[in-house]
């Protein structure tokens, strides 16, 4: 079995095994927040996997009880008084969204718990979302800032995406399943097996076919622009 890398900037990268690679957000004490360092590490891992012929699909999940709590709000406080860091923050954000949205192979989110704000976006930017019954989704940041809208619109349609982005109300796993945000919901202890069932189907296809199909999905989504335009 391939051994995971040492934790780096809040993620653990598992090299491919039978075509399946994994990225684990690994800072449970901070609910797997997406700091600049974490976003850059995740973007770099995706860039590396995109050029690895042994990879057919990448699974993204969180350590502990949270999938991802979104961007690190402390960094926005720092950016307010540090123009150089503000530039770094938004460049990191733009790279992160582009790395996810343009990743040329299937991305699967194993949503093990709350996916909030930018964590909701991370799940939505994956091609397939499989949820534990402990998952929930929300955009609380509507109360103080911009919400990423486009990828959610592409995933579940305009009417539902507008409601969730404009209200910020939380959606539990059962409701997410009803309107197609997730493809399945299982007890937390069965999440790994359910994800494995999905990836077993994916890896039957040749890598080049997966890449051509994913390219069609990216073209169809037609998501363009920087973070604040999404």
C-alpha atoms as a PDB file:
ATOM      1  CA  UNK A   1       0.000   0.000   0.000  1.00  0.00           C
ATOM      2  CA  UNK A   2       1.267   3.479  -0.802  1.00  0.00           C
ATOM      3  CA  UNK A   3       2.244   5.458   2.251  1.00  0.00           C
ATOM      4  CA  UNK A   4       0.889   8.963   2.803  1.00  0.00           C
ATOM      5  CA  UNK A   5       3.219  11.916   2.721  1.00  0.00           C
ATOM      6  CA  UNK A   6       4.159  13.713   5.887  1.00  0.00           C
ATOM      7  CA  UNK A   7       1.586  16.402   6.749  1.00  0.00           C
ATOM      8  CA  UNK A   8       2.418  19.638   4.977  1.00  0.00           C
ATOM      9  CA  UNK A   9       0.656  22.903   5.640  1.00  0.00           C
ATOM     10  CA  UNK A  10      -2.458  21.216   6.941  1.00  0.00           C
ATOM     11  CA  UNK A  11      -2.920  18.466   4.348  1.00  0.00           C
ATOM     12  CA  UNK A  12      -1.837  14.857   3.974  1.00  0.00           C
ATOM     13  CA  UNK A  13      -1.372  13.532   0.453  1.00  0.00           C
ATOM     14  CA  UNK A  14      -1.869   9.829  -0.260  1.00  0.00           C
ATOM     15  CA  UNK A  15      -0.165   8.737  -3.487  1.00  0.00           C
ATOM     16  CA  UNK A  16      -2.245   6.771  -5.988  1.00  0.00           C
ATOM     17  CA  UNK A  17      -3.229   3.210  -5.266  1.00  0.00           C
ATOM     18  CA  UNK A  18      -5.004   1.407  -8.104  1.00  0.00           C
ATOM     19  CA  UNK A  19      -5.662   4.773  -9.724  1.00  0.00           C
ATOM     20  CA  UNK A  20      -7.085   6.501  -6.631  1.00  0.00           C
ATOM     21  CA  UNK A  21      -5.175   9.295  -4.876  1.00  0.00           C
ATOM     22  CA  UNK A  22      -6.363  11.083  -1.750  1.00  0.00           C
ATOM     23  CA  UNK A  23      -5.942  14.517  -0.196  1.00  0.00           C
ATOM     24  CA  UNK A  24      -6.900  14.876   3.459  1.00  0.00           C
ATOM     25  CA  UNK A  25      -7.380  18.287   5.043  1.00  0.00           C
ATOM     26  CA  UNK A  26      -5.600  17.603   8.306  1.00  0.00           C
ATOM     27  CA  UNK A  27      -6.042  20.396  10.827  1.00  0.00           C
ATOM     28  CA  UNK A  28      -9.050  19.211  12.843  1.00  0.00           C
ATOM     29  CA  UNK A  29      -8.376  21.582  15.745  1.00  0.00           C
ATOM     30  CA  UNK A  30      -9.102  24.465  13.372  1.00  0.00           C
ATOM     31  CA  UNK A  31     -11.832  22.529  11.562  1.00  0.00           C
ATOM     32  CA  UNK A  32      -9.629  22.133   8.479  1.00  0.00           C
ATOM     33  CA  UNK A  33      -9.696  25.836   7.663  1.00  0.00           C
ATOM     34  CA  UNK A  34      -8.344  26.902   4.272  1.00  0.00           C
ATOM     35  CA  UNK A  35      -5.447  29.190   5.102  1.00  0.00           C
ATOM     36  CA  UNK A  36      -3.189  30.505   2.350  1.00  0.00           C
ATOM     37  CA  UNK A  37      -0.709  27.724   3.120  1.00  0.00           C
ATOM     38  CA  UNK A  38      -3.392  25.033   3.005  1.00  0.00           C
ATOM     39  CA  UNK A  39      -4.838  26.336  -0.253  1.00  0.00           C
ATOM     40  CA  UNK A  40      -1.398  26.493  -1.832  1.00  0.00           C
ATOM     41  CA  UNK A  41      -0.561  22.973  -0.655  1.00  0.00           C
ATOM     42  CA  UNK A  42      -3.851  21.609  -1.999  1.00  0.00           C
ATOM     43  CA  UNK A  43      -3.377  23.421  -5.308  1.00  0.00           C
ATOM     44  CA  UNK A  44       0.139  22.030  -5.586  1.00  0.00           C
ATOM     45  CA  UNK A  45      -1.045  18.496  -4.867  1.00  0.00           C
ATOM     46  CA  UNK A  46      -3.695  18.742  -7.586  1.00  0.00           C
ATOM     47  CA  UNK A  47      -1.140  20.130 -10.036  1.00  0.00           C
ATOM     48  CA  UNK A  48       1.127  17.185  -9.272  1.00  0.00           C
ATOM     49  CA  UNK A  49      -1.624  14.612  -9.645  1.00  0.00           C
ATOM     50  CA  UNK A  50      -2.756  16.071 -12.964  1.00  0.00           C
ATOM     51  CA  UNK A  51       0.565  15.063 -14.506  1.00  0.00           C
ATOM     52  CA  UNK A  52       0.799  11.644 -12.825  1.00  0.00           C
ATOM     53  CA  UNK A  53      -0.178   8.864 -15.213  1.00  0.00           C
ATOM     54  CA  UNK A  54      -0.923   6.575 -12.247  1.00  0.00           C
ATOM     55  CA  UNK A  55      -3.792   8.824 -11.106  1.00  0.00           C
ATOM     56  CA  UNK A  56      -7.322   8.421 -12.458  1.00  0.00           C
ATOM     57  CA  UNK A  57      -9.346  10.013  -9.651  1.00  0.00           C
ATOM     58  CA  UNK A  58      -8.625  12.104  -6.565  1.00  0.00           C
ATOM     59  CA  UNK A  59     -10.654  11.943  -3.344  1.00  0.00           C
ATOM     60  CA  UNK A  60     -10.722  14.984  -1.055  1.00  0.00           C
ATOM     61  CA  UNK A  61     -11.851  14.646   2.569  1.00  0.00           C
ATOM     62  CA  UNK A  62     -11.324  16.115   6.021  1.00  0.00           C
ATOM     63  CA  UNK A  63      -9.757  14.768   9.192  1.00  0.00           C
ATOM     64  CA  UNK A  64     -11.834  14.740  12.347  1.00  0.00           C
ATOM     65  CA  UNK A  65     -15.492  15.687  12.484  1.00  0.00           C
ATOM     66  CA  UNK A  66     -15.445  18.549   9.924  1.00  0.00           C
ATOM     67  CA  UNK A  67     -14.956  18.406   6.171  1.00  0.00           C
ATOM     68  CA  UNK A  68     -13.857  22.046   5.949  1.00  0.00           C
ATOM     69  CA  UNK A  69     -14.857  25.255   7.723  1.00  0.00           C
ATOM     70  CA  UNK A  70     -13.837  27.542   4.857  1.00  0.00           C
ATOM     71  CA  UNK A  71     -11.242  30.259   4.582  1.00  0.00           C
ATOM     72  CA  UNK A  72      -9.225  31.286   7.643  1.00  0.00           C
ATOM     73  CA  UNK A  73     -10.995  34.455   8.770  1.00  0.00           C
ATOM     74  CA  UNK A  74      -7.977  35.575  10.791  1.00  0.00           C
ATOM     75  CA  UNK A  75      -6.146  36.058   7.505  1.00  0.00           C
ATOM     76  CA  UNK A  76      -8.784  38.517   6.318  1.00  0.00           C
ATOM     77  CA  UNK A  77      -8.147  40.546   9.479  1.00  0.00           C
ATOM     78  CA  UNK A  78      -4.440  40.552   8.690  1.00  0.00           C
ATOM     79  CA  UNK A  79      -5.060  41.486   5.056  1.00  0.00           C
ATOM     80  CA  UNK A  80      -7.050  44.544   6.111  1.00  0.00           C
ATOM     81  CA  UNK A  81      -3.869  46.160   7.430  1.00  0.00           C
ATOM     82  CA  UNK A  82      -1.233  44.442   5.264  1.00  0.00           C
ATOM     83  CA  UNK A  83      -1.583  45.216   1.520  1.00  0.00           C
ATOM     84  CA  UNK A  84       1.189  42.803   0.534  1.00  0.00           C
ATOM     85  CA  UNK A  85      -0.510  39.943   2.359  1.00  0.00           C
ATOM     86  CA  UNK A  86      -3.865  40.938   0.871  1.00  0.00           C
ATOM     87  CA  UNK A  87      -2.350  40.419  -2.584  1.00  0.00           C
ATOM     88  CA  UNK A  88      -0.975  37.045  -1.491  1.00  0.00           C
ATOM     89  CA  UNK A  89      -4.358  36.022  -0.069  1.00  0.00           C
ATOM     90  CA  UNK A  90      -6.288  36.707  -3.249  1.00  0.00           C
ATOM     91  CA  UNK A  91      -3.630  35.229  -5.532  1.00  0.00           C
ATOM     92  CA  UNK A  92      -3.738  32.066  -3.434  1.00  0.00           C
ATOM     93  CA  UNK A  93      -7.525  32.039  -3.592  1.00  0.00           C
ATOM     94  CA  UNK A  94      -7.590  32.493  -7.372  1.00  0.00           C
ATOM     95  CA  UNK A  95      -5.058  29.681  -7.824  1.00  0.00           C
ATOM     96  CA  UNK A  96      -7.014  27.387  -5.479  1.00  0.00           C
ATOM     97  CA  UNK A  97     -10.325  27.835  -7.278  1.00  0.00           C
ATOM     98  CA  UNK A  98      -8.710  27.418 -10.671  1.00  0.00           C
ATOM     99  CA  UNK A  99      -6.821  24.278  -9.587  1.00  0.00           C
ATOM    100  CA  UNK A 100     -10.071  22.668  -8.437  1.00  0.00           C
ATOM    101  CA  UNK A 101     -12.335  23.849 -11.250  1.00  0.00           C
ATOM    102  CA  UNK A 102      -9.862  22.974 -14.001  1.00  0.00           C
ATOM    103  CA  UNK A 103      -8.486  19.738 -12.543  1.00  0.00           C
ATOM    104  CA  UNK A 104      -8.441  17.437 -15.589  1.00  0.00           C
ATOM    105  CA  UNK A 105      -9.509  14.219 -13.837  1.00  0.00           C
ATOM    106  CA  UNK A 106     -12.479  13.304 -11.635  1.00  0.00           C
ATOM    107  CA  UNK A 107     -12.540  14.866  -8.171  1.00  0.00           C
ATOM    108  CA  UNK A 108     -14.635  13.168  -5.481  1.00  0.00           C
ATOM    109  CA  UNK A 109     -15.539  14.901  -2.205  1.00  0.00           C
ATOM    110  CA  UNK A 110     -15.960  12.538   0.742  1.00  0.00           C
ATOM    111  CA  UNK A 111     -17.921  14.938   2.940  1.00  0.00           C
ATOM    112  CA  UNK A 112     -17.400  13.603   6.455  1.00  0.00           C
ATOM    113  CA  UNK A 113     -18.973  16.547   8.312  1.00  0.00           C
ATOM    114  CA  UNK A 114     -19.851  20.235   7.952  1.00  0.00           C
ATOM    115  CA  UNK A 115     -18.779  21.911   4.700  1.00  0.00           C
ATOM    116  CA  UNK A 116     -19.084  25.615   5.406  1.00  0.00           C
ATOM    117  CA  UNK A 117     -18.412  28.726   3.298  1.00  0.00           C
ATOM    118  CA  UNK A 118     -15.221  27.999   1.320  1.00  0.00           C
ATOM    119  CA  UNK A 119     -15.516  24.393   2.476  1.00  0.00           C
ATOM    120  CA  UNK A 120     -18.919  24.254   0.790  1.00  0.00           C
ATOM    121  CA  UNK A 121     -17.244  25.653  -2.322  1.00  0.00           C
ATOM    122  CA  UNK A 122     -14.529  22.985  -2.157  1.00  0.00           C
ATOM    123  CA  UNK A 123     -17.141  20.226  -2.062  1.00  0.00           C
ATOM    124  CA  UNK A 124     -19.096  21.819  -4.904  1.00  0.00           C
ATOM    125  CA  UNK A 125     -15.984  22.186  -7.072  1.00  0.00           C
ATOM    126  CA  UNK A 126     -15.593  18.409  -6.950  1.00  0.00           C
ATOM    127  CA  UNK A 127     -17.372  16.383  -9.632  1.00  0.00           C
ATOM    128  CA  UNK A 128     -19.039  13.950  -7.241  1.00  0.00           C
ATOM    129  CA  UNK A 129     -20.023  14.483  -3.622  1.00  0.00           C
ATOM    130  CA  UNK A 130     -20.618  11.540  -1.287  1.00  0.00           C
ATOM    131  CA  UNK A 131     -21.780  12.512   2.182  1.00  0.00           C
ATOM    132  CA  UNK A 132     -21.876  11.055   5.635  1.00  0.00           C
ATOM    133  CA  UNK A 133     -25.109  11.623   7.511  1.00  0.00           C
ATOM    134  CA  UNK A 134     -23.137  14.094   9.652  1.00  0.00           C
ATOM    135  CA  UNK A 135     -22.578  16.436   6.692  1.00  0.00           C
ATOM    136  CA  UNK A 136     -24.201  19.818   6.342  1.00  0.00           C
ATOM    137  CA  UNK A 137     -23.659  22.684   3.929  1.00  0.00           C
ATOM    138  CA  UNK A 138     -24.015  26.450   4.337  1.00  0.00           C
ATOM    139  CA  UNK A 139     -22.810  29.873   3.214  1.00  0.00           C
ATOM    140  CA  UNK A 140     -22.835  31.942   6.429  1.00  0.00           C
ATOM    141  CA  UNK A 141     -20.411  34.428   4.867  1.00  0.00           C
ATOM    142  CA  UNK A 142     -23.323  36.057   3.018  1.00  0.00           C
ATOM    143  CA  UNK A 143     -23.763  38.020   6.262  1.00  0.00           C
ATOM    144  CA  UNK A 144     -20.482  39.885   5.735  1.00  0.00           C
ATOM    145  CA  UNK A 145     -19.014  39.243   2.267  1.00  0.00           C
ATOM    146  CA  UNK A 146     -19.146  37.747  -1.197  1.00  0.00           C
ATOM    147  CA  UNK A 147     -20.272  34.179  -1.852  1.00  0.00           C
ATOM    148  CA  UNK A 148     -18.930  31.973  -4.652  1.00  0.00           C
ATOM    149  CA  UNK A 149     -22.025  31.310  -6.767  1.00  0.00           C
ATOM    150  CA  UNK A 150     -21.145  29.913 -10.199  1.00  0.00           C
ATOM    151  CA  UNK A 151     -19.995  26.367  -9.351  1.00  0.00           C
ATOM    152  CA  UNK A 152     -23.044  25.794  -7.138  1.00  0.00           C
ATOM    153  CA  UNK A 153     -25.342  26.998  -9.923  1.00  0.00           C
ATOM    154  CA  UNK A 154     -23.685  24.505 -12.251  1.00  0.00           C
ATOM    155  CA  UNK A 155     -24.132  21.688  -9.723  1.00  0.00           C
ATOM    156  CA  UNK A 156     -27.760  22.154  -8.629  1.00  0.00           C
ATOM    157  CA  UNK A 157     -29.353  24.802 -10.841  1.00  0.00           C
ATOM    158  CA  UNK A 158     -30.119  28.463 -10.480  1.00  0.00           C
ATOM    159  CA  UNK A 159     -33.207  28.489  -8.275  1.00  0.00           C
ATOM    160  CA  UNK A 160     -31.717  26.367  -5.513  1.00  0.00           C
ATOM    161  CA  UNK A 161     -28.259  27.957  -5.786  1.00  0.00           C
ATOM    162  CA  UNK A 162     -29.721  31.448  -5.432  1.00  0.00           C
ATOM    163  CA  UNK A 163     -31.694  30.431  -2.380  1.00  0.00           C
ATOM    164  CA  UNK A 164     -28.707  28.902  -0.614  1.00  0.00           C
ATOM    165  CA  UNK A 165     -26.303  31.715  -1.529  1.00  0.00           C
ATOM    166  CA  UNK A 166     -28.700  34.555  -0.709  1.00  0.00           C
ATOM    167  CA  UNK A 167     -29.950  33.134   2.591  1.00  0.00           C
ATOM    168  CA  UNK A 168     -26.929  31.215   3.877  1.00  0.00           C
ATOM    169  CA  UNK A 169     -29.263  28.721   5.531  1.00  0.00           C
ATOM    170  CA  UNK A 170     -27.793  25.339   6.418  1.00  0.00           C
ATOM    171  CA  UNK A 171     -28.741  22.202   4.521  1.00  0.00           C
ATOM    172  CA  UNK A 172     -28.362  18.807   6.141  1.00  0.00           C
ATOM    173  CA  UNK A 173     -27.280  15.653   4.329  1.00  0.00           C
ATOM    174  CA  UNK A 174     -30.810  14.362   3.771  1.00  0.00           C
ATOM    175  CA  UNK A 175     -31.966  17.581   2.113  1.00  0.00           C
ATOM    176  CA  UNK A 176     -28.766  17.769   0.079  1.00  0.00           C
ATOM    177  CA  UNK A 177     -29.543  14.313  -1.278  1.00  0.00           C
ATOM    178  CA  UNK A 178     -33.112  15.273  -2.167  1.00  0.00           C
ATOM    179  CA  UNK A 179     -32.063  18.084  -4.475  1.00  0.00           C
ATOM    180  CA  UNK A 180     -28.999  16.391  -5.914  1.00  0.00           C
ATOM    181  CA  UNK A 181     -26.183  18.255  -4.196  1.00  0.00           C
ATOM    182  CA  UNK A 182     -24.795  14.870  -3.111  1.00  0.00           C
ATOM    183  CA  UNK A 183     -25.102  11.533  -4.878  1.00  0.00           C
ATOM    184  CA  UNK A 184     -25.483   9.412  -1.749  1.00  0.00           C
ATOM    185  CA  UNK A 185     -25.644   9.645   2.041  1.00  0.00           C
ATOM    186  CA  UNK A 186     -24.398   6.912   4.366  1.00  0.00           C
ATOM    187  CA  UNK A 187     -23.592   6.576   8.072  1.00  0.00           C
ATOM    188  CA  UNK A 188     -20.210   8.100   8.859  1.00  0.00           C
ATOM    189  CA  UNK A 189     -18.628   4.694   9.451  1.00  0.00           C
ATOM    190  CA  UNK A 190     -19.600   3.586   5.946  1.00  0.00           C
ATOM    191  CA  UNK A 191     -18.317   6.657   4.099  1.00  0.00           C
ATOM    192  CA  UNK A 192     -14.998   5.114   3.074  1.00  0.00           C
ATOM    193  CA  UNK A 193     -16.678   2.043   1.607  1.00  0.00           C
ATOM    194  CA  UNK A 194     -19.232   4.151  -0.269  1.00  0.00           C
ATOM    195  CA  UNK A 195     -16.481   6.315  -1.753  1.00  0.00           C
ATOM    196  CA  UNK A 196     -14.571   3.178  -2.738  1.00  0.00           C
ATOM    197  CA  UNK A 197     -17.627   1.879  -4.595  1.00  0.00           C
ATOM    198  CA  UNK A 198     -17.757   5.089  -6.609  1.00  0.00           C
ATOM    199  CA  UNK A 199     -14.057   5.194  -7.381  1.00  0.00           C
ATOM    200  CA  UNK A 200     -14.086   1.505  -8.365  1.00  0.00           C
ATOM    201  CA  UNK A 201     -16.525   2.442 -11.127  1.00  0.00           C
ATOM    202  CA  UNK A 202     -14.432   5.428 -12.205  1.00  0.00           C
ATOM    203  CA  UNK A 203     -11.104   3.630 -12.483  1.00  0.00           C
ATOM    204  CA  UNK A 204     -12.521   1.069 -14.909  1.00  0.00           C
ATOM    205  CA  UNK A 205     -12.261   3.763 -17.601  1.00  0.00           C
ATOM    206  CA  UNK A 206      -8.994   4.573 -19.345  1.00  0.00           C
ATOM    207  CA  UNK A 207      -7.297   7.713 -18.050  1.00  0.00           C
ATOM    208  CA  UNK A 208      -7.415   9.454 -21.422  1.00  0.00           C
ATOM    209  CA  UNK A 209     -11.167   8.850 -21.698  1.00  0.00           C
ATOM    210  CA  UNK A 210     -11.703  10.276 -18.212  1.00  0.00           C
ATOM    211  CA  UNK A 211      -9.685  13.337 -19.173  1.00  0.00           C
ATOM    212  CA  UNK A 212     -11.674  13.911 -22.372  1.00  0.00           C
ATOM    213  CA  UNK A 213     -14.955  13.569 -20.517  1.00  0.00           C
ATOM    214  CA  UNK A 214     -13.808  15.921 -17.764  1.00  0.00           C
ATOM    215  CA  UNK A 215     -12.690  18.444 -20.402  1.00  0.00           C
ATOM    216  CA  UNK A 216     -16.240  18.435 -21.797  1.00  0.00           C
ATOM    217  CA  UNK A 217     -17.626  19.109 -18.314  1.00  0.00           C
ATOM    218  CA  UNK A 218     -15.206  22.011 -17.811  1.00  0.00           C
ATOM    219  CA  UNK A 219     -16.106  23.540 -21.178  1.00  0.00           C
ATOM    220  CA  UNK A 220     -19.815  23.144 -20.455  1.00  0.00           C
ATOM    221  CA  UNK A 221     -19.517  24.842 -17.058  1.00  0.00           C
ATOM    222  CA  UNK A 222     -17.749  27.812 -18.675  1.00  0.00           C
ATOM    223  CA  UNK A 223     -16.663  29.171 -15.293  1.00  0.00           C
ATOM    224  CA  UNK A 224     -14.321  32.120 -15.800  1.00  0.00           C
ATOM    225  CA  UNK A 225     -12.851  34.906 -13.725  1.00  0.00           C
ATOM    226  CA  UNK A 226     -11.116  35.358 -10.407  1.00  0.00           C
ATOM    227  CA  UNK A 227     -12.501  34.369  -7.005  1.00  0.00           C
ATOM    228  CA  UNK A 228     -14.735  37.377  -6.502  1.00  0.00           C
ATOM    229  CA  UNK A 229     -16.253  36.903  -9.981  1.00  0.00           C
ATOM    230  CA  UNK A 230     -17.194  33.254  -9.503  1.00  0.00           C
END
